[in-house]
Structure formats: structure tokens, C-alpha cells
Protein backbone atom coordinates (compact mmCIF):
# COMPACT_ATOMS: atom_id res chain seq x y z
CA MET A 1 318.90 -47.78 -9.03
CA ASP A 2 316.17 -50.11 -9.14
CA VAL A 3 312.87 -50.96 -10.36
CA LEU A 4 310.72 -50.01 -7.77
CA SER A 5 313.36 -46.58 -7.64
CA VAL A 6 312.97 -45.25 -10.32
CA ASP A 7 309.04 -45.67 -10.22
CA LYS A 8 309.00 -43.92 -7.05
CA LEU A 9 311.70 -41.03 -7.88
CA ARG A 10 309.29 -40.38 -11.14
CA THR A 11 306.17 -39.45 -9.14
CA CYS A 12 308.88 -36.20 -7.77
CA CYS A 13 309.00 -32.82 -9.27
CA ARG A 14 311.95 -32.53 -11.72
CA SER A 15 314.83 -31.24 -9.75
CA LEU A 16 313.99 -33.82 -7.10
CA GLN A 17 314.14 -36.07 -9.99
CA LEU A 18 317.95 -35.13 -11.33
CA LEU A 19 318.79 -34.38 -8.26
CA VAL A 20 319.13 -38.43 -7.54
CA GLU A 21 319.71 -38.67 -10.82
CA ASP A 22 322.78 -37.15 -9.80
CA VAL A 23 323.87 -38.54 -6.44
CA SER A 24 323.69 -42.77 -8.13
CA ARG A 25 326.23 -40.37 -10.43
CA TYR A 26 327.65 -41.83 -6.86
CA TYR A 27 326.29 -44.16 -4.66
CA ASN A 28 323.87 -46.52 -5.52
CA VAL A 29 320.97 -45.47 -4.00
CA LYS A 30 317.79 -46.84 -3.27
CA VAL A 31 314.22 -44.55 -3.53
CA LEU A 32 312.30 -45.52 -0.57
CA TRP A 33 309.36 -42.66 -0.86
CA GLY A 34 308.69 -40.51 -3.66
CA TRP A 35 304.56 -39.87 -3.60
CA ARG A 36 302.12 -40.32 -1.12
CA SER A 37 298.96 -40.91 -1.74
CA GLN A 38 296.84 -40.01 2.29
CA LYS A 39 296.40 -43.95 2.28
CA TRP A 40 299.99 -43.18 3.07
CA GLN A 41 300.55 -40.13 4.06
CA ASP A 42 298.13 -41.77 7.25
CA ASP A 43 299.59 -45.09 7.99
CA ALA A 44 302.92 -42.82 8.51
CA PHE A 45 301.32 -40.41 10.26
CA ALA A 46 299.96 -42.83 12.75
CA ARG A 47 303.01 -45.22 13.19
CA GLY A 48 305.14 -42.11 14.50
CA THR A 49 307.16 -41.68 10.91
CA THR A 50 306.68 -38.47 10.03
CA LYS A 51 304.48 -34.77 12.44
CA LEU A 52 302.61 -34.43 9.73
CA LYS A 53 298.66 -35.23 7.90
CA TRP A 54 297.45 -35.73 4.54
CA PRO A 55 297.65 -32.99 2.70
CA ASP A 56 300.27 -31.39 4.52
CA SER A 57 303.46 -33.35 4.60
CA LYS A 58 305.49 -32.40 0.84
CA HIS A 59 305.58 -35.38 0.10
CA ASN A 60 301.57 -34.80 -0.85
CA PHE A 61 302.24 -32.07 -3.58
CA VAL A 62 299.62 -32.69 -7.04
CA ASP A 63 300.47 -30.57 -10.50
CA PRO A 64 298.23 -28.14 -10.29
CA GLU A 65 298.10 -28.19 -13.53
CA THR A 66 297.81 -32.03 -14.78
CA GLY A 67 296.94 -33.29 -10.90
CA ASP A 68 299.72 -35.97 -11.42
CA PRO A 69 301.27 -36.85 -7.93
CA CYS A 70 304.47 -33.98 -8.08
CA SER A 71 305.77 -34.89 -4.35
CA LEU A 72 308.52 -31.34 -3.69
CA ALA A 73 310.54 -34.42 -1.22
CA VAL A 74 311.89 -37.98 -0.99
CA ASP A 75 313.49 -40.54 1.27
CA ILE A 76 316.36 -41.57 0.15
CA THR A 77 319.35 -43.94 1.22
CA GLN A 78 322.29 -45.88 -0.06
CA VAL A 79 322.71 -49.16 -0.63
CA ILE A 80 326.05 -51.19 -0.32
CA ASP A 81 326.71 -55.22 -1.04
CA GLY A 82 322.86 -55.44 -2.22
CA LYS A 83 321.50 -53.76 0.84
CA PRO A 84 319.98 -50.40 1.75
CA ILE A 85 321.36 -49.00 4.74
CA MET A 86 318.09 -48.97 6.52
CA CYS A 87 319.66 -47.98 10.46
CA VAL A 88 316.98 -49.94 12.06
CA GLU A 89 317.32 -49.33 16.20
CA PRO A 90 318.34 -52.88 18.21
CA THR A 91 316.25 -54.67 20.10
CA ASP A 92 318.79 -55.69 22.00
CA TRP A 93 321.86 -53.09 22.91
CA SER A 94 324.17 -55.59 24.46
CA ASN A 95 324.43 -57.28 21.38
CA LYS A 96 327.55 -55.40 20.93
CA VAL A 97 327.46 -57.35 17.08
CA ALA A 98 323.65 -55.51 16.54
CA VAL A 99 324.88 -52.27 17.76
CA ASN A 100 328.76 -51.99 15.80
CA ARG A 101 326.12 -52.22 12.92
CA TYR A 102 323.40 -49.20 13.64
CA HIS A 103 326.25 -47.24 14.73
CA GLY A 104 328.14 -48.39 11.36
CA GLU A 105 324.58 -47.81 8.74
CA LEU A 106 323.86 -44.67 11.00
CA ARG A 107 327.95 -43.02 10.22
CA GLN A 108 327.84 -44.25 6.82
CA LEU A 109 323.77 -42.36 6.70
CA TYR A 110 325.03 -39.16 7.20
CA PHE A 111 328.10 -39.84 5.38
CA PHE A 112 326.27 -40.38 2.32
CA SER A 113 323.57 -37.31 3.67
CA GLY A 114 326.84 -34.90 3.11
CA GLY A 115 326.70 -35.97 -1.15
CA VAL A 116 323.39 -35.65 -1.06
CA LEU A 117 323.31 -31.64 -0.37
CA ILE A 118 326.78 -31.13 -1.54
CA CYS A 119 324.95 -32.44 -5.17
CA GLY A 120 321.77 -30.48 -4.41
CA LEU A 121 324.31 -27.44 -4.06
CA LYS A 122 326.36 -27.26 -7.64
CA GLN A 123 322.60 -27.99 -8.67
CA GLY A 124 321.29 -24.84 -7.12
CA LEU A 125 318.86 -26.56 -4.78
CA LYS A 126 317.61 -24.46 -1.31
CA LEU A 127 317.22 -28.35 0.36
CA ARG A 128 316.01 -29.69 4.45
CA TRP A 129 317.04 -32.54 5.54
CA GLY A 130 315.36 -34.58 7.91
CA GLY A 131 318.53 -34.55 10.05
CA ASP A 132 319.10 -31.04 9.68
CA TRP A 133 315.39 -29.33 10.00
CA ASN A 134 316.71 -26.14 10.32
CA SER A 135 319.44 -25.87 7.88
CA ASP A 136 322.06 -24.76 10.13
CA LEU A 137 324.38 -27.37 9.62
CA SER A 138 323.91 -28.28 12.92
CA LEU A 139 322.64 -31.94 14.42
CA LEU A 140 322.82 -31.52 17.67
CA ASN A 141 319.67 -29.64 17.74
CA ASN A 142 317.32 -32.14 15.97
CA LYS A 143 314.81 -33.13 17.85
CA PHE A 144 313.08 -35.06 15.02
CA ASN A 145 315.49 -37.49 13.00
CA ASP A 146 314.30 -38.35 9.52
CA LEU A 147 317.50 -39.33 8.41
CA PHE A 148 316.55 -40.28 4.87
CA HIS A 149 313.77 -37.03 3.97
CA TRP A 150 314.86 -34.33 1.59
CA GLU A 151 313.13 -31.65 0.11
CA LEU A 152 312.96 -28.56 -1.94
CA VAL A 153 312.90 -25.19 0.68
CA LEU A 154 310.44 -22.70 -2.11
């Protein structure tokens, strides 16, 4: 993991830190988000990349004893050949190279997510993934995809 990822991971609760550290034994991991401030949460809500306003996201949790950030959610992706898998939809769907790259990255991210889920199960964690919000192991009924998002179910 790069230095920025380690810094972001430190804003997460210990269970998520251990999860991502375990995942990073098998994959090169980039942490996109740990804890989010009110400004960042409001910005994400305005862009439509989250459905929750501050302070309702698990990214906004603060340790009640210390007041320190203690995110109960983390957004992560895999890094391959030095590039994070971001699954950006092509602007021109007739561009076969861009479309093939997008579909390849999407498949890679789903594969990576299976690895994250297995690492969580090994640790006894109950996780919710943004590609299967109701955790029924069916991806066909998901209405809002946030494929980088993992959160603890308490």
C-alpha cells in the first residue's frame, strides 16, 4: 500500500485496518476513503456518489471516547501495474478499446471483491459490500453500485 492509503486506513476502526492489511497480503491495495469529514461527505452526496448525508454514513463515525475518526467503512480498490482499478465508464461506447477496458476492470473489481469477502469471513467479520447491499449473494437486484465500498454490519 502507498503512504496515502496507509494514512487513510488509519482513520478506520481496528477491524477494518486488520481486514485491509490481510487483503493486501494477496492484492496490491489502494485505500480510496476511510473517514470522511462533513465537507467531503456533503460533496460526495452532492455528486451522487453516496446516498447518505453527514453524519449518517459509516464513513463519518467518530470514537465516542476519544473523538478521533473511527470509520466503520472503507473504500478500496486493487492496483495492477501501478494503476488503481477505477471502472470509469467510457464516454464513447462505440470505442471498443475503452469499452473492453471498462468491462475488464469491472470483472477485475468483482474478482477482487470476492477476495475481500473471503478475508473478512476468515476474520469473523460481518461485512456489507456496495455491490450487494442486502448481502444475499445476488448481484442482480442491486440498485446502487458502490463497488469500492465495504462496511461493518454491527
